[in-house]
Amino acid sequence: MKRVLASLLAASALAFMSPAQAQSAAATDAEMALAREIIELSNTQRIMDEMMSAMAPQMADQIVATGASREAANRFVELFMEEFASEGPRIAELGGIAYAGAFTERELRDLRDFYASPTGRVFAEKAPELSAAMAQAGAIIGEDAATRALRRFEAELASPPMSP
């Protein structure tokens, strides 16, 4: 009876967990340790910090667009950035859960070995710059695609509907 009750409690706990928490329950201690090490070696926290810093002006602009003053928007973004920066350990843990859920233990060891290698350390050091460049490329391409899509959409609206 105790085993049945314990099983039911465990099942109900899993039902109320977020997907990341449930994934963590499936990961072994070794997988989680490797995943945390990869997060550390891969410079993930720096990448996240730089990504958030790059997004800060757009966040402030969106707040201003809702009618807030620029001063209020900037202050909110400043407070948000401080709060986000304080979440480093949680980012590492949730990132570790994602890695442990996505890769086998062998793959995690290979990734850890790569990031610990001279080439991996260089890659981790340059990753924030590469991410920023890719984000900029995506923004440029997205703007171009949106312009073309808008032209096509406007042309469709201007065309008379086809009769069946």
N, C-alpha and C. Protein backbone atom coordinates (compact mmCIF):
# COMPACT_ATOMS: atom_id res chain seq x y z
N MET A 1 0.82 -1.19 0.00
CA MET A 1 0.00 0.00 0.00
C MET A 1 0.87 1.26 0.00
N LYS A 2 1.96 1.23 0.80
CA LYS A 2 2.85 2.39 0.85
C LYS A 2 3.48 2.64 -0.52
N ARG A 3 3.85 1.57 -1.24
CA ARG A 3 4.43 1.72 -2.57
C ARG A 3 3.44 2.35 -3.54
N VAL A 4 2.19 1.92 -3.46
CA VAL A 4 1.15 2.46 -4.34
C VAL A 4 0.97 3.94 -4.05
N LEU A 5 0.89 4.30 -2.77
CA LEU A 5 0.73 5.69 -2.37
C LEU A 5 1.93 6.52 -2.83
N ALA A 6 3.12 6.00 -2.63
CA ALA A 6 4.32 6.71 -3.07
C ALA A 6 4.31 6.91 -4.58
N SER A 7 3.91 5.88 -5.32
CA SER A 7 3.84 5.99 -6.78
C SER A 7 2.83 7.03 -7.21
N LEU A 8 1.67 7.03 -6.54
CA LEU A 8 0.64 8.03 -6.87
C LEU A 8 1.11 9.44 -6.57
N LEU A 9 1.78 9.62 -5.44
CA LEU A 9 2.31 10.94 -5.10
C LEU A 9 3.36 11.39 -6.11
N ALA A 10 4.24 10.49 -6.51
CA ALA A 10 5.26 10.83 -7.50
C ALA A 10 4.62 11.17 -8.83
N ALA A 11 3.63 10.41 -9.25
CA ALA A 11 2.95 10.67 -10.52
C ALA A 11 2.23 12.00 -10.48
N SER A 12 1.57 12.30 -9.37
CA SER A 12 0.85 13.58 -9.29
C SER A 12 1.84 14.74 -9.24
N ALA A 13 2.98 14.56 -8.59
CA ALA A 13 3.99 15.62 -8.57
C ALA A 13 4.50 15.89 -9.97
N LEU A 14 4.75 14.82 -10.74
CA LEU A 14 5.21 14.99 -12.13
C LEU A 14 4.16 15.69 -12.98
N ALA A 15 2.90 15.44 -12.71
CA ALA A 15 1.82 16.04 -13.49
C ALA A 15 1.79 17.55 -13.31
N PHE A 16 2.21 18.03 -12.14
CA PHE A 16 2.16 19.46 -11.88
C PHE A 16 3.49 20.17 -12.11
N MET A 17 4.50 19.44 -12.52
CA MET A 17 5.80 20.04 -12.80
C MET A 17 5.80 20.67 -14.18
N SER A 18 6.66 21.65 -14.33
CA SER A 18 6.87 22.21 -15.66
C SER A 18 7.60 21.15 -16.48
N PRO A 19 7.59 21.27 -17.82
CA PRO A 19 8.32 20.29 -18.63
C PRO A 19 9.80 20.20 -18.24
N ALA A 20 10.41 21.34 -17.91
CA ALA A 20 11.82 21.32 -17.54
C ALA A 20 12.03 20.54 -16.24
N GLN A 21 11.13 20.71 -15.28
CA GLN A 21 11.27 19.97 -14.02
C GLN A 21 11.07 18.48 -14.26
N ALA A 22 10.10 18.14 -15.07
CA ALA A 22 9.85 16.73 -15.36
C ALA A 22 11.05 16.12 -16.09
N GLN A 23 11.66 16.89 -17.00
CA GLN A 23 12.83 16.41 -17.71
C GLN A 23 13.96 16.16 -16.73
N SER A 24 14.10 17.07 -15.76
CA SER A 24 15.14 16.94 -14.76
C SER A 24 15.00 15.64 -13.99
N ALA A 25 13.74 15.25 -13.72
CA ALA A 25 13.51 14.02 -12.99
C ALA A 25 14.02 12.82 -13.77
N ALA A 26 14.03 12.91 -15.10
CA ALA A 26 14.47 11.80 -15.94
C ALA A 26 15.99 11.79 -16.13
N ALA A 27 16.65 12.91 -15.93
CA ALA A 27 18.09 13.00 -16.14
C ALA A 27 18.83 12.39 -14.95
N THR A 28 19.91 11.70 -15.24
CA THR A 28 20.72 11.14 -14.15
C THR A 28 21.57 12.23 -13.54
N ASP A 29 22.10 11.96 -12.37
CA ASP A 29 23.00 12.92 -11.71
C ASP A 29 24.22 13.19 -12.59
N ALA A 30 24.73 12.15 -13.23
CA ALA A 30 25.90 12.33 -14.10
C ALA A 30 25.57 13.23 -15.28
N GLU A 31 24.39 13.02 -15.87
CA GLU A 31 23.99 13.87 -17.01
C GLU A 31 23.83 15.32 -16.57
N MET A 32 23.21 15.54 -15.42
CA MET A 32 23.03 16.90 -14.93
C MET A 32 24.37 17.56 -14.62
N ALA A 33 25.30 16.82 -14.04
CA ALA A 33 26.62 17.37 -13.73
C ALA A 33 27.34 17.77 -15.02
N LEU A 34 27.28 16.91 -16.02
CA LEU A 34 27.90 17.22 -17.31
C LEU A 34 27.23 18.43 -17.95
N ALA A 35 25.91 18.47 -17.91
CA ALA A 35 25.17 19.57 -18.51
C ALA A 35 25.52 20.90 -17.84
N ARG A 36 25.61 20.91 -16.52
CA ARG A 36 25.98 22.14 -15.80
C ARG A 36 27.39 22.57 -16.19
N GLU A 37 28.28 21.61 -16.34
CA GLU A 37 29.65 21.93 -16.73
C GLU A 37 29.68 22.53 -18.13
N ILE A 38 28.88 22.00 -19.03
CA ILE A 38 28.81 22.54 -20.40
C ILE A 38 28.29 23.97 -20.37
N ILE A 39 27.26 24.22 -19.57
CA ILE A 39 26.71 25.58 -19.46
C ILE A 39 27.80 26.54 -19.01
N GLU A 40 28.58 26.12 -18.04
CA GLU A 40 29.68 26.96 -17.54
C GLU A 40 30.75 27.17 -18.61
N LEU A 41 31.20 26.08 -19.20
CA LEU A 41 32.29 26.16 -20.19
C LEU A 41 31.88 26.89 -21.47
N SER A 42 30.61 26.81 -21.82
CA SER A 42 30.15 27.39 -23.09
C SER A 42 29.83 28.87 -23.00
N ASN A 43 30.04 29.47 -21.83
CA ASN A 43 29.85 30.91 -21.69
C ASN A 43 28.38 31.31 -21.80
N THR A 44 27.49 30.42 -21.44
CA THR A 44 26.06 30.65 -21.62
C THR A 44 25.58 31.90 -20.86
N GLN A 45 26.06 32.10 -19.65
CA GLN A 45 25.61 33.27 -18.88
C GLN A 45 26.00 34.56 -19.58
N ARG A 46 27.21 34.64 -20.09
CA ARG A 46 27.64 35.85 -20.80
C ARG A 46 26.80 36.07 -22.05
N ILE A 47 26.51 34.98 -22.77
CA ILE A 47 25.68 35.09 -23.97
C ILE A 47 24.30 35.63 -23.59
N MET A 48 23.72 35.09 -22.54
CA MET A 48 22.40 35.55 -22.09
C MET A 48 22.44 37.02 -21.67
N ASP A 49 23.47 37.40 -20.92
CA ASP A 49 23.59 38.79 -20.48
C ASP A 49 23.71 39.73 -21.67
N GLU A 50 24.54 39.37 -22.64
CA GLU A 50 24.72 40.23 -23.81
C GLU A 50 23.47 40.27 -24.67
N MET A 51 22.77 39.15 -24.76
CA MET A 51 21.52 39.12 -25.52
C MET A 51 20.49 40.05 -24.86
N MET A 52 20.39 39.99 -23.55
CA MET A 52 19.43 40.83 -22.84
C MET A 52 19.81 42.31 -22.97
N SER A 53 21.10 42.61 -22.90
CA SER A 53 21.55 43.99 -23.07
C SER A 53 21.20 44.51 -24.46
N ALA A 54 21.35 43.66 -25.46
CA ALA A 54 21.03 44.05 -26.83
C ALA A 54 19.52 44.28 -26.99
N MET A 55 18.72 43.54 -26.23
CA MET A 55 17.27 43.67 -26.33
C MET A 55 16.72 44.84 -25.51
N ALA A 56 17.50 45.37 -24.59
CA ALA A 56 17.00 46.40 -23.68
C ALA A 56 16.41 47.62 -24.40
N PRO A 57 17.08 48.17 -25.41
CA PRO A 57 16.47 49.34 -26.09
C PRO A 57 15.11 49.03 -26.72
N GLN A 58 14.97 47.84 -27.31
CA GLN A 58 13.68 47.48 -27.90
C GLN A 58 12.62 47.32 -26.82
N MET A 59 13.01 46.77 -25.67
CA MET A 59 12.07 46.63 -24.56
C MET A 59 11.57 48.00 -24.13
N ALA A 60 12.50 48.95 -23.99
CA ALA A 60 12.12 50.31 -23.59
C ALA A 60 11.21 50.94 -24.64
N ASP A 61 11.53 50.75 -25.90
CA ASP A 61 10.69 51.30 -26.98
C ASP A 61 9.28 50.74 -26.92
N GLN A 62 9.16 49.43 -26.66
CA GLN A 62 7.84 48.82 -26.57
C GLN A 62 7.04 49.37 -25.40
N ILE A 63 7.72 49.65 -24.30
CA ILE A 63 7.04 50.22 -23.14
C ILE A 63 6.58 51.64 -23.45
N VAL A 64 7.43 52.42 -24.11
CA VAL A 64 7.06 53.78 -24.50
C VAL A 64 5.86 53.75 -25.44
N ALA A 65 5.83 52.76 -26.33
CA ALA A 65 4.72 52.65 -27.29
C ALA A 65 3.37 52.42 -26.59
N THR A 66 3.41 51.93 -25.35
CA THR A 66 2.15 51.73 -24.61
C THR A 66 1.70 53.01 -23.92
N GLY A 67 2.52 54.08 -24.01
CA GLY A 67 2.14 55.35 -23.42
C GLY A 67 2.98 55.76 -22.23
N ALA A 68 3.91 54.94 -21.80
CA ALA A 68 4.77 55.28 -20.67
C ALA A 68 5.81 56.31 -21.11
N SER A 69 6.31 57.07 -20.15
CA SER A 69 7.37 58.03 -20.48
C SER A 69 8.68 57.28 -20.74
N ARG A 70 9.56 57.92 -21.46
CA ARG A 70 10.87 57.31 -21.74
C ARG A 70 11.60 57.06 -20.43
N GLU A 71 11.51 58.00 -19.50
CA GLU A 71 12.18 57.85 -18.20
C GLU A 71 11.65 56.62 -17.45
N ALA A 72 10.33 56.46 -17.42
CA ALA A 72 9.73 55.30 -16.74
C ALA A 72 10.13 54.00 -17.44
N ALA A 73 10.11 54.01 -18.77
CA ALA A 73 10.47 52.82 -19.52
C ALA A 73 11.92 52.43 -19.26
N ASN A 74 12.81 53.41 -19.30
CA ASN A 74 14.23 53.13 -19.05
C ASN A 74 14.45 52.60 -17.63
N ARG A 75 13.74 53.17 -16.67
CA ARG A 75 13.89 52.71 -15.29
C ARG A 75 13.39 51.28 -15.12
N PHE A 76 12.24 50.98 -15.73
CA PHE A 76 11.72 49.62 -15.65
C PHE A 76 12.72 48.64 -16.27
N VAL A 77 13.25 48.98 -17.43
CA VAL A 77 14.20 48.09 -18.11
C VAL A 77 15.45 47.93 -17.25
N GLU A 78 15.90 48.99 -16.61
CA GLU A 78 17.07 48.89 -15.72
C GLU A 78 16.79 47.92 -14.58
N LEU A 79 15.62 48.03 -13.96
CA LEU A 79 15.26 47.12 -12.87
C LEU A 79 15.12 45.69 -13.38
N PHE A 80 14.51 45.54 -14.55
CA PHE A 80 14.37 44.21 -15.15
C PHE A 80 15.74 43.58 -15.39
N MET A 81 16.66 44.36 -15.93
CA MET A 81 18.00 43.83 -16.22
C MET A 81 18.71 43.40 -14.93
N GLU A 82 18.55 44.16 -13.86
CA GLU A 82 19.14 43.78 -12.58
C GLU A 82 18.54 42.46 -12.09
N GLU A 83 17.22 42.35 -12.18
CA GLU A 83 16.55 41.13 -11.74
C GLU A 83 16.97 39.94 -12.60
N PHE A 84 17.04 40.14 -13.90
CA PHE A 84 17.42 39.06 -14.80
C PHE A 84 18.85 38.61 -14.51
N ALA A 85 19.74 39.58 -14.29
CA ALA A 85 21.15 39.25 -14.01
C ALA A 85 21.28 38.43 -12.73
N SER A 86 20.37 38.63 -11.79
CA SER A 86 20.44 37.88 -10.53
C SER A 86 20.00 36.43 -10.69
N GLU A 87 19.47 36.09 -11.86
CA GLU A 87 18.95 34.74 -12.10
C GLU A 87 19.98 33.79 -12.71
N GLY A 88 21.24 34.16 -12.69
CA GLY A 88 22.29 33.33 -13.27
C GLY A 88 22.23 31.87 -12.84
N PRO A 89 22.14 31.59 -11.54
CA PRO A 89 22.08 30.18 -11.13
C PRO A 89 20.87 29.43 -11.71
N ARG A 90 19.73 30.12 -11.78
CA ARG A 90 18.54 29.47 -12.34
C ARG A 90 18.69 29.24 -13.84
N ILE A 91 19.30 30.19 -14.54
CA ILE A 91 19.55 30.02 -15.97
C ILE A 91 20.45 28.80 -16.17
N ALA A 92 21.48 28.70 -15.35
CA ALA A 92 22.40 27.56 -15.47
C ALA A 92 21.67 26.25 -15.20
N GLU A 93 20.82 26.23 -14.19
CA GLU A 93 20.10 24.99 -13.85
C GLU A 93 19.11 24.62 -14.95
N LEU A 94 18.31 25.57 -15.40
CA LEU A 94 17.33 25.27 -16.44
C LEU A 94 18.01 24.94 -17.77
N GLY A 95 19.11 25.62 -18.05
CA GLY A 95 19.88 25.27 -19.24
C GLY A 95 20.45 23.88 -19.12
N GLY A 96 20.92 23.53 -17.95
CA GLY A 96 21.43 22.19 -17.70
C GLY A 96 20.36 21.13 -17.91
N ILE A 97 19.16 21.44 -17.44
CA ILE A 97 18.05 20.51 -17.63
C ILE A 97 17.77 20.32 -19.12
N ALA A 98 17.79 21.42 -19.87
CA ALA A 98 17.55 21.33 -21.31
C ALA A 98 18.62 20.49 -21.99
N TYR A 99 19.88 20.73 -21.64
CA TYR A 99 20.97 19.96 -22.25
C TYR A 99 20.86 18.48 -21.87
N ALA A 100 20.60 18.21 -20.59
CA ALA A 100 20.52 16.82 -20.13
C ALA A 100 19.36 16.09 -20.79
N GLY A 101 18.31 16.82 -21.11
CA GLY A 101 17.17 16.21 -21.77
C GLY A 101 17.37 16.03 -23.27
N ALA A 102 18.27 16.82 -23.85
CA ALA A 102 18.45 16.79 -25.30
C ALA A 102 19.56 15.85 -25.76
N PHE A 103 20.51 15.56 -24.87
CA PHE A 103 21.68 14.77 -25.26
C PHE A 103 21.85 13.55 -24.37
N THR A 104 22.45 12.53 -24.93
CA THR A 104 22.79 11.35 -24.14
C THR A 104 24.00 11.69 -23.27
N GLU A 105 24.28 10.82 -22.31
CA GLU A 105 25.44 11.04 -21.45
C GLU A 105 26.73 11.07 -22.28
N ARG A 106 26.85 10.19 -23.27
CA ARG A 106 28.03 10.16 -24.15
C ARG A 106 28.16 11.49 -24.92
N GLU A 107 27.06 11.97 -25.44
CA GLU A 107 27.07 13.25 -26.17
C GLU A 107 27.43 14.41 -25.24
N LEU A 108 26.92 14.37 -24.03
CA LEU A 108 27.26 15.41 -23.06
C LEU A 108 28.76 15.39 -22.75
N ARG A 109 29.33 14.20 -22.60
CA ARG A 109 30.78 14.11 -22.37
C ARG A 109 31.55 14.69 -23.56
N ASP A 110 31.09 14.35 -24.77
CA ASP A 110 31.76 14.88 -25.97
C ASP A 110 31.67 16.41 -26.02
N LEU A 111 30.50 16.94 -25.69
CA LEU A 111 30.34 18.40 -25.68
C LEU A 111 31.24 19.04 -24.61
N ARG A 112 31.25 18.45 -23.43
CA ARG A 112 32.12 18.95 -22.37
C ARG A 112 33.57 18.94 -22.81
N ASP A 113 33.99 17.84 -23.42
CA ASP A 113 35.37 17.73 -23.89
C ASP A 113 35.67 18.79 -24.96
N PHE A 114 34.70 19.03 -25.84
CA PHE A 114 34.90 20.06 -26.87
C PHE A 114 35.07 21.43 -26.21
N TYR A 115 34.15 21.81 -25.33
CA TYR A 115 34.23 23.14 -24.70
C TYR A 115 35.46 23.29 -23.82
N ALA A 116 36.00 22.19 -23.31
CA ALA A 116 37.21 22.24 -22.49
C ALA A 116 38.47 22.28 -23.35
N SER A 117 38.34 21.99 -24.65
CA SER A 117 39.50 21.99 -25.55
C SER A 117 39.87 23.42 -25.93
N PRO A 118 41.07 23.63 -26.45
CA PRO A 118 41.45 24.98 -26.89
C PRO A 118 40.46 25.56 -27.92
N THR A 119 40.06 24.76 -28.89
CA THR A 119 39.10 25.25 -29.90
C THR A 119 37.76 25.55 -29.26
N GLY A 120 37.32 24.71 -28.35
CA GLY A 120 36.06 24.95 -27.66
C GLY A 120 36.08 26.21 -26.82
N ARG A 121 37.22 26.48 -26.17
CA ARG A 121 37.34 27.71 -25.37
C ARG A 121 37.29 28.94 -26.27
N VAL A 122 37.93 28.86 -27.44
CA VAL A 122 37.87 29.98 -28.40
C VAL A 122 36.43 30.15 -28.89
N PHE A 123 35.78 29.03 -29.21
CA PHE A 123 34.39 29.10 -29.65
C PHE A 123 33.51 29.75 -28.58
N ALA A 124 33.65 29.33 -27.34
CA ALA A 124 32.85 29.88 -26.25
C ALA A 124 33.12 31.37 -26.07
N GLU A 125 34.37 31.76 -26.25
CA GLU A 125 34.72 33.18 -26.12
C GLU A 125 34.09 34.01 -27.23
N LYS A 126 34.04 33.45 -28.43
CA LYS A 126 33.49 34.19 -29.58
C LYS A 126 31.99 34.02 -29.75
N ALA A 127 31.39 33.10 -29.01
CA ALA A 127 29.95 32.81 -29.16
C ALA A 127 29.06 34.04 -28.98
N PRO A 128 29.31 34.91 -28.00
CA PRO A 128 28.45 36.09 -27.88
C PRO A 128 28.51 36.98 -29.13
N GLU A 129 29.70 37.16 -29.68
CA GLU A 129 29.83 37.97 -30.90
C GLU A 129 29.09 37.30 -32.06
N LEU A 130 29.25 35.98 -32.16
CA LEU A 130 28.58 35.24 -33.23
C LEU A 130 27.07 35.31 -33.06
N SER A 131 26.59 35.18 -31.85
CA SER A 131 25.15 35.27 -31.60
C SER A 131 24.63 36.65 -31.96
N ALA A 132 25.37 37.68 -31.60
CA ALA A 132 24.96 39.05 -31.93
C ALA A 132 24.93 39.25 -33.44
N ALA A 133 25.95 38.74 -34.13
CA ALA A 133 25.99 38.87 -35.59
C ALA A 133 24.82 38.13 -36.24
N MET A 134 24.51 36.94 -35.73
CA MET A 134 23.39 36.18 -36.28
C MET A 134 22.06 36.86 -35.97
N ALA A 135 21.93 37.45 -34.80
CA ALA A 135 20.71 38.18 -34.46
C ALA A 135 20.55 39.38 -35.38
N GLN A 136 21.65 40.07 -35.65
CA GLN A 136 21.60 41.23 -36.56
C GLN A 136 21.23 40.77 -37.97
N ALA A 137 21.82 39.66 -38.41
CA ALA A 137 21.48 39.13 -39.72
C ALA A 137 20.00 38.75 -39.78
N GLY A 138 19.51 38.12 -38.73
CA GLY A 138 18.10 37.75 -38.67
C GLY A 138 17.19 38.97 -38.70
N ALA A 139 17.59 40.03 -38.02
CA ALA A 139 16.79 41.26 -38.02
C ALA A 139 16.75 41.89 -39.41
N ILE A 140 17.89 41.90 -40.09
CA ILE A 140 17.95 42.47 -41.45
C ILE A 140 17.09 41.64 -42.40
N ILE A 141 17.26 40.33 -42.34
CA ILE A 141 16.49 39.44 -43.21
C ILE A 141 15.01 39.52 -42.86
N GLY A 142 14.69 39.58 -41.57
CA GLY A 142 13.30 39.69 -41.15
C GLY A 142 12.65 40.97 -41.64
N GLU A 143 13.38 42.07 -41.58
CA GLU A 143 12.84 43.34 -42.08
C GLU A 143 12.59 43.26 -43.58
N ASP A 144 13.54 42.71 -44.32
CA ASP A 144 13.38 42.55 -45.77
C ASP A 144 12.19 41.64 -46.09
N ALA A 145 12.08 40.51 -45.37
CA ALA A 145 10.98 39.58 -45.61
C ALA A 145 9.64 40.23 -45.27
N ALA A 146 9.61 41.01 -44.19
CA ALA A 146 8.36 41.69 -43.80
C ALA A 146 7.96 42.71 -44.87
N THR A 147 8.92 43.43 -45.42
CA THR A 147 8.63 44.40 -46.47
C THR A 147 8.04 43.70 -47.70
N ARG A 148 8.67 42.60 -48.11
CA ARG A 148 8.16 41.86 -49.27
C ARG A 148 6.78 41.27 -48.98
N ALA A 149 6.59 40.72 -47.79
CA ALA A 149 5.30 40.13 -47.42
C ALA A 149 4.21 41.21 -47.41
N LEU A 150 4.55 42.40 -46.92
CA LEU A 150 3.57 43.49 -46.87
C LEU A 150 3.17 43.89 -48.29
N ARG A 151 4.15 43.99 -49.19
CA ARG A 151 3.84 44.32 -50.59
C ARG A 151 2.90 43.29 -51.20
N ARG A 152 3.21 42.02 -50.98
CA ARG A 152 2.37 40.95 -51.52
C ARG A 152 0.97 40.98 -50.92
N PHE A 153 0.91 41.22 -49.60
CA PHE A 153 -0.38 41.27 -48.92
C PHE A 153 -1.21 42.43 -49.43
N GLU A 154 -0.59 43.60 -49.57
CA GLU A 154 -1.31 44.76 -50.10
C GLU A 154 -1.80 44.51 -51.52
N ALA A 155 -0.98 43.82 -52.33
CA ALA A 155 -1.39 43.49 -53.71
C ALA A 155 -2.59 42.55 -53.69
N GLU A 156 -2.59 41.58 -52.78
CA GLU A 156 -3.73 40.67 -52.67
C GLU A 156 -5.00 41.41 -52.26
N LEU A 157 -4.85 42.36 -51.35
CA LEU A 157 -6.02 43.13 -50.90
C LEU A 157 -6.57 44.01 -52.02
N ALA A 158 -5.66 44.52 -52.88
CA ALA A 158 -6.07 45.39 -53.97
C ALA A 158 -6.69 44.62 -55.13
N SER A 159 -6.41 43.34 -55.24
CA SER A 159 -6.95 42.52 -56.33
C SER A 159 -8.40 42.17 -56.05
N PRO A 160 -9.23 42.21 -57.10
CA PRO A 160 -10.62 41.79 -56.89
C PRO A 160 -10.67 40.29 -56.60
N PRO A 161 -11.58 39.88 -55.75
CA PRO A 161 -11.68 38.45 -55.43
C PRO A 161 -12.08 37.66 -56.68
N MET A 162 -11.52 36.47 -56.78
CA MET A 162 -11.86 35.59 -57.91
C MET A 162 -13.18 34.90 -57.62
N SER A 163 -14.03 34.84 -58.63
CA SER A 163 -15.32 34.14 -58.43
C SER A 163 -15.14 32.65 -58.69
N PRO A 164 -15.90 31.83 -57.96
CA PRO A 164 -15.74 30.37 -58.12
C PRO A 164 -16.21 29.85 -59.44
